[in-house]
């Protein structure tokens, strides 16, 4: 079966992800311009299931990637930084995670008589 990819001099083009393919000028390995994807608040909420307050507090403490303004009314996060943060969290060792000490509550929830 003839090759579907034909170069100008009628020789078939190399297969993608081979050495011959990587040296072709029309298929650069890396983009000449650095492209960084940013995400807005709505996309961040879909990726990170934390409240806005929690994210804000973590940003202030330096525990979460910082947001930045593209315009005075458009706030974004760098997607690569957020993904790196997720990977760091996945790799972090789990410490003794226990629930809250209910004995420290000032009040106790009261069940209604219908329960």
N, C-alpha and C. Protein backbone atom coordinates (compact mmCIF):
# COMPACT_ATOMS: atom_id res chain seq x y z
N UNK A 1 0.85 -1.19 0.00
CA UNK A 1 0.00 0.00 0.00
C UNK A 1 0.89 1.24 0.00
N UNK A 2 0.66 2.20 -0.85
CA UNK A 2 1.51 3.39 -0.91
C UNK A 2 1.31 4.26 0.33
N UNK A 3 2.39 4.96 0.67
CA UNK A 3 2.34 5.84 1.83
C UNK A 3 1.45 7.05 1.54
N UNK A 4 0.65 7.44 2.50
CA UNK A 4 -0.22 8.59 2.33
C UNK A 4 0.53 9.90 2.54
N UNK A 5 1.61 9.84 3.28
CA UNK A 5 2.40 11.04 3.53
C UNK A 5 3.52 11.10 2.51
N UNK A 6 3.46 12.04 1.62
CA UNK A 6 4.46 12.18 0.56
C UNK A 6 5.10 13.55 0.70
N UNK A 7 6.41 13.59 0.68
CA UNK A 7 7.11 14.86 0.75
C UNK A 7 7.22 15.44 -0.66
N UNK A 8 7.84 16.59 -0.76
CA UNK A 8 7.96 17.28 -2.05
C UNK A 8 8.78 16.46 -3.05
N UNK A 9 9.81 15.77 -2.59
CA UNK A 9 10.66 15.01 -3.52
C UNK A 9 10.18 13.56 -3.66
N UNK A 10 8.92 13.27 -3.40
CA UNK A 10 8.27 11.98 -3.59
C UNK A 10 8.78 10.87 -2.68
N UNK A 11 9.51 11.20 -1.66
CA UNK A 11 9.92 10.19 -0.68
C UNK A 11 8.92 10.21 0.47
N UNK A 12 8.61 9.05 1.03
CA UNK A 12 7.66 9.05 2.16
C UNK A 12 8.27 9.73 3.38
N UNK A 13 7.41 10.41 4.11
CA UNK A 13 7.87 11.07 5.33
C UNK A 13 8.10 10.04 6.43
N UNK A 14 9.02 10.32 7.34
CA UNK A 14 9.28 9.38 8.43
C UNK A 14 8.07 9.26 9.36
N UNK A 15 8.04 8.19 10.09
CA UNK A 15 6.95 7.92 11.04
C UNK A 15 7.10 8.86 12.24
N UNK A 16 5.97 9.39 12.73
CA UNK A 16 6.05 10.26 13.92
C UNK A 16 6.74 9.56 15.09
N UNK A 17 7.44 10.36 15.90
CA UNK A 17 8.18 9.94 17.09
C UNK A 17 9.38 9.06 16.76
N UNK A 18 9.91 9.21 15.57
CA UNK A 18 11.18 8.57 15.23
C UNK A 18 12.21 9.68 15.04
N UNK A 19 13.48 9.28 14.97
CA UNK A 19 14.55 10.27 14.83
C UNK A 19 14.42 11.07 13.54
N UNK A 20 14.06 10.42 12.45
CA UNK A 20 13.92 11.11 11.18
C UNK A 20 12.80 12.13 11.19
N UNK A 21 11.75 11.84 11.91
CA UNK A 21 10.59 12.74 12.00
C UNK A 21 10.93 13.97 12.83
N UNK A 22 11.68 13.77 13.91
CA UNK A 22 12.00 14.87 14.83
C UNK A 22 12.90 15.93 14.20
N UNK A 23 13.68 15.57 13.20
CA UNK A 23 14.59 16.55 12.59
C UNK A 23 13.93 17.36 11.48
N UNK A 24 12.73 17.00 11.07
CA UNK A 24 12.05 17.76 10.02
C UNK A 24 11.69 19.15 10.55
N UNK A 25 11.99 20.21 9.79
CA UNK A 25 11.72 21.56 10.29
C UNK A 25 10.23 21.87 10.43
N UNK A 26 9.38 21.20 9.67
CA UNK A 26 7.95 21.50 9.76
C UNK A 26 7.29 20.82 10.96
N UNK A 27 8.00 19.93 11.66
CA UNK A 27 7.46 19.26 12.83
C UNK A 27 8.39 19.46 14.02
N UNK A 28 8.49 20.68 14.53
CA UNK A 28 9.42 20.92 15.65
C UNK A 28 8.98 20.17 16.90
N UNK A 29 9.97 19.74 17.68
CA UNK A 29 9.67 19.05 18.93
C UNK A 29 8.99 19.99 19.91
N UNK A 30 9.51 21.19 20.01
CA UNK A 30 8.96 22.16 20.94
C UNK A 30 8.49 23.38 20.18
N UNK A 31 7.49 23.98 20.71
CA UNK A 31 6.97 25.20 20.10
C UNK A 31 8.02 26.30 20.21
N UNK A 32 8.18 27.12 19.17
CA UNK A 32 9.15 28.22 19.27
C UNK A 32 8.76 29.23 20.34
N UNK A 33 7.47 29.35 20.61
CA UNK A 33 7.01 30.25 21.67
C UNK A 33 6.50 29.42 22.85
N UNK A 34 6.85 29.80 24.05
CA UNK A 34 6.34 29.02 25.20
C UNK A 34 4.85 29.26 25.37
N UNK A 35 4.09 28.21 25.33
CA UNK A 35 2.64 28.31 25.48
C UNK A 35 2.26 27.78 26.85
N UNK A 36 1.66 28.62 27.63
CA UNK A 36 1.24 28.22 28.96
C UNK A 36 -0.26 28.42 29.06
N UNK A 37 -0.95 27.37 29.38
CA UNK A 37 -2.41 27.42 29.49
C UNK A 37 -2.79 27.96 30.84
N UNK A 38 -3.72 28.88 30.85
CA UNK A 38 -4.26 29.41 32.10
C UNK A 38 -5.70 28.97 32.24
N UNK A 39 -6.16 28.91 33.49
CA UNK A 39 -7.54 28.53 33.75
C UNK A 39 -8.19 29.57 34.64
N UNK A 40 -9.48 29.75 34.45
CA UNK A 40 -10.24 30.68 35.27
C UNK A 40 -10.85 29.94 36.44
N UNK A 41 -11.51 30.67 37.30
CA UNK A 41 -12.05 30.14 38.55
C UNK A 41 -12.97 28.94 38.33
N UNK A 42 -13.83 29.00 37.34
CA UNK A 42 -14.79 27.92 37.10
C UNK A 42 -14.06 26.62 36.75
N UNK A 43 -13.03 26.69 35.90
CA UNK A 43 -12.25 25.50 35.56
C UNK A 43 -11.47 24.99 36.77
N UNK A 44 -10.95 25.91 37.58
CA UNK A 44 -10.21 25.50 38.77
C UNK A 44 -11.12 24.73 39.72
N UNK A 45 -12.36 25.18 39.87
CA UNK A 45 -13.31 24.48 40.75
C UNK A 45 -13.60 23.08 40.25
N UNK A 46 -13.57 22.87 38.94
CA UNK A 46 -13.79 21.53 38.40
C UNK A 46 -12.61 20.61 38.66
N UNK A 47 -11.41 21.18 38.71
CA UNK A 47 -10.20 20.39 38.92
C UNK A 47 -9.94 20.17 40.40
N UNK A 48 -10.08 21.22 41.20
CA UNK A 48 -9.77 21.18 42.63
C UNK A 48 -11.08 21.30 43.41
N UNK A 49 -11.50 20.24 44.10
CA UNK A 49 -12.78 20.30 44.82
C UNK A 49 -12.66 20.94 46.20
N UNK A 50 -12.13 22.13 46.24
CA UNK A 50 -12.01 22.87 47.50
C UNK A 50 -12.79 24.17 47.38
N UNK A 51 -13.20 24.71 48.51
CA UNK A 51 -13.94 25.97 48.48
C UNK A 51 -13.00 27.11 48.10
N UNK A 52 -13.60 28.20 47.65
CA UNK A 52 -12.80 29.37 47.29
C UNK A 52 -12.02 29.91 48.49
N UNK A 53 -12.65 29.88 49.66
CA UNK A 53 -11.99 30.36 50.87
C UNK A 53 -10.77 29.51 51.19
N UNK A 54 -10.91 28.19 51.08
CA UNK A 54 -9.78 27.30 51.36
C UNK A 54 -8.64 27.56 50.39
N UNK A 55 -8.96 27.70 49.12
CA UNK A 55 -7.92 27.97 48.12
C UNK A 55 -7.25 29.31 48.40
N UNK A 56 -8.03 30.32 48.72
CA UNK A 56 -7.49 31.64 49.03
C UNK A 56 -6.53 31.57 50.22
N UNK A 57 -6.95 30.89 51.29
CA UNK A 57 -6.10 30.77 52.48
C UNK A 57 -4.82 29.98 52.16
N UNK A 58 -4.94 28.94 51.35
CA UNK A 58 -3.76 28.17 50.98
C UNK A 58 -2.80 29.01 50.13
N UNK A 59 -3.35 29.85 49.27
CA UNK A 59 -2.51 30.76 48.48
C UNK A 59 -1.75 31.71 49.39
N UNK A 60 -2.44 32.27 50.35
CA UNK A 60 -1.80 33.21 51.28
C UNK A 60 -0.67 32.55 52.06
N UNK A 61 -0.84 31.28 52.42
CA UNK A 61 0.19 30.55 53.17
C UNK A 61 1.29 30.00 52.26
N UNK A 62 1.13 30.15 50.94
CA UNK A 62 2.13 29.63 50.00
C UNK A 62 1.99 28.14 49.75
N UNK A 63 0.83 27.56 50.03
CA UNK A 63 0.61 26.12 49.86
C UNK A 63 -0.12 25.79 48.56
N UNK A 64 -0.46 26.79 47.77
CA UNK A 64 -1.20 26.59 46.52
C UNK A 64 -0.68 27.61 45.51
N UNK A 65 -0.69 27.26 44.22
CA UNK A 65 -0.21 28.23 43.21
C UNK A 65 -0.99 29.55 43.27
N UNK A 66 -0.26 30.63 43.09
CA UNK A 66 -0.88 31.96 43.18
C UNK A 66 -1.65 32.29 41.91
N UNK A 67 -2.77 32.95 42.09
CA UNK A 67 -3.54 33.48 40.96
C UNK A 67 -2.88 34.77 40.49
N UNK A 68 -3.19 35.16 39.29
CA UNK A 68 -2.70 36.46 38.81
C UNK A 68 -3.75 37.06 37.89
N UNK A 69 -3.67 38.35 37.72
CA UNK A 69 -4.64 39.08 36.91
C UNK A 69 -4.15 39.21 35.48
N UNK A 70 -5.01 38.81 34.53
CA UNK A 70 -4.73 39.11 33.12
C UNK A 70 -5.20 40.52 32.82
N UNK A 71 -6.34 40.87 33.37
CA UNK A 71 -6.90 42.21 33.28
C UNK A 71 -7.41 42.55 34.68
N UNK A 72 -7.84 43.77 34.92
CA UNK A 72 -8.35 44.09 36.26
C UNK A 72 -9.53 43.22 36.69
N UNK A 73 -10.26 42.63 35.74
CA UNK A 73 -11.42 41.82 36.11
C UNK A 73 -11.29 40.34 35.77
N UNK A 74 -10.13 39.91 35.30
CA UNK A 74 -9.93 38.51 34.89
C UNK A 74 -8.77 37.91 35.70
N UNK A 75 -9.12 36.99 36.59
CA UNK A 75 -8.14 36.32 37.44
C UNK A 75 -7.97 34.90 36.93
N UNK A 76 -6.71 34.44 36.80
CA UNK A 76 -6.42 33.10 36.28
C UNK A 76 -5.31 32.44 37.10
N UNK A 77 -5.21 31.12 36.93
CA UNK A 77 -4.13 30.33 37.50
C UNK A 77 -3.41 29.65 36.34
N UNK A 78 -2.12 29.39 36.52
CA UNK A 78 -1.33 28.66 35.53
C UNK A 78 -1.66 27.18 35.67
N UNK A 79 -2.18 26.56 34.63
CA UNK A 79 -2.61 25.16 34.68
C UNK A 79 -1.44 24.24 35.01
N UNK A 80 -0.26 24.51 34.47
CA UNK A 80 0.91 23.66 34.75
C UNK A 80 1.25 23.68 36.24
N UNK A 81 1.13 24.85 36.88
CA UNK A 81 1.41 24.95 38.31
C UNK A 81 0.36 24.19 39.12
N UNK A 82 -0.90 24.28 38.71
CA UNK A 82 -1.96 23.58 39.42
C UNK A 82 -1.78 22.07 39.28
N UNK A 83 -1.44 21.61 38.07
CA UNK A 83 -1.21 20.18 37.86
C UNK A 83 0.00 19.69 38.66
N UNK A 84 1.04 20.51 38.73
CA UNK A 84 2.22 20.14 39.53
C UNK A 84 1.85 20.07 41.02
N UNK A 85 1.00 20.97 41.47
CA UNK A 85 0.55 20.95 42.86
C UNK A 85 -0.23 19.66 43.15
N UNK A 86 -1.08 19.25 42.22
CA UNK A 86 -1.83 18.01 42.39
C UNK A 86 -0.88 16.82 42.48
N UNK A 87 0.12 16.77 41.59
CA UNK A 87 1.10 15.68 41.62
C UNK A 87 1.87 15.66 42.93
N UNK A 88 2.25 16.84 43.42
CA UNK A 88 2.94 16.91 44.71
C UNK A 88 2.07 16.36 45.83
N UNK A 89 0.79 16.70 45.79
CA UNK A 89 -0.14 16.21 46.81
C UNK A 89 -0.30 14.70 46.73
N UNK A 90 -0.30 14.16 45.51
CA UNK A 90 -0.42 12.72 45.35
C UNK A 90 0.81 11.99 45.87
N UNK A 91 1.99 12.60 45.71
CA UNK A 91 3.23 11.97 46.12
C UNK A 91 3.53 12.17 47.60
N UNK A 92 2.88 13.14 48.25
CA UNK A 92 3.16 13.44 49.65
C UNK A 92 2.76 12.25 50.52
N UNK A 93 3.59 11.93 51.52
CA UNK A 93 3.24 10.82 52.40
C UNK A 93 2.02 11.18 53.25
N UNK A 94 1.18 10.20 53.46
CA UNK A 94 -0.01 10.42 54.29
C UNK A 94 0.40 10.32 55.75
N UNK A 95 0.07 11.35 56.48
CA UNK A 95 0.36 11.36 57.91
C UNK A 95 -0.86 10.83 58.63
N UNK A 96 -0.77 10.71 59.92
CA UNK A 96 -1.93 10.26 60.69
C UNK A 96 -3.05 11.27 60.52
N UNK A 97 -3.96 10.93 59.66
CA UNK A 97 -5.10 11.81 59.40
C UNK A 97 -6.25 11.30 60.25
N UNK A 98 -6.65 12.12 61.18
CA UNK A 98 -7.76 11.73 62.04
C UNK A 98 -8.82 12.81 61.97
N UNK A 99 -10.00 12.45 62.36
CA UNK A 99 -11.10 13.39 62.36
C UNK A 99 -10.94 14.41 63.48
N UNK A 100 -11.82 15.38 63.53
CA UNK A 100 -11.74 16.38 64.58
C UNK A 100 -12.07 15.76 65.94
N UNK A 101 -11.49 16.32 66.98
CA UNK A 101 -11.76 15.86 68.34
C UNK A 101 -13.09 16.45 68.78
N UNK A 102 -14.12 15.62 68.84
CA UNK A 102 -15.45 16.11 69.18
C UNK A 102 -15.55 16.58 70.62
N UNK A 103 -14.60 16.18 71.45
CA UNK A 103 -14.63 16.62 72.85
C UNK A 103 -14.28 18.09 72.99
N UNK A 104 -13.70 18.69 71.94
CA UNK A 104 -13.33 20.10 71.98
C UNK A 104 -14.46 21.02 71.51
N UNK A 105 -15.58 20.46 71.11
CA UNK A 105 -16.72 21.28 70.67
C UNK A 105 -17.27 22.08 71.83
N UNK A 106 -17.71 23.28 71.53
CA UNK A 106 -18.34 24.10 72.56
C UNK A 106 -19.79 23.71 72.75
N UNK A 107 -20.42 23.29 71.66
CA UNK A 107 -21.80 22.81 71.74
C UNK A 107 -21.90 21.50 71.01
N UNK A 108 -22.87 20.71 71.38
CA UNK A 108 -23.08 19.43 70.71
C UNK A 108 -24.38 19.51 69.92
N UNK A 109 -24.38 18.92 68.75
CA UNK A 109 -25.64 18.94 68.00
C UNK A 109 -26.73 18.19 68.74
N UNK A 110 -27.91 18.69 68.65
CA UNK A 110 -29.04 18.10 69.34
C UNK A 110 -29.96 17.48 68.31
N UNK A 111 -30.32 16.22 68.51
CA UNK A 111 -31.22 15.57 67.58
C UNK A 111 -32.65 15.99 67.89
N UNK A 112 -33.42 16.11 66.85
CA UNK A 112 -34.83 16.43 67.07
C UNK A 112 -35.55 15.18 67.54
N UNK A 113 -36.69 15.33 68.14
CA UNK A 113 -37.42 14.19 68.69
C UNK A 113 -37.99 13.30 67.60
N UNK A 114 -38.04 13.78 66.36
CA UNK A 114 -38.57 12.96 65.28
C UNK A 114 -37.58 11.95 64.76
N UNK A 115 -36.27 12.06 65.10
CA UNK A 115 -35.25 11.12 64.62
C UNK A 115 -35.29 9.81 65.33
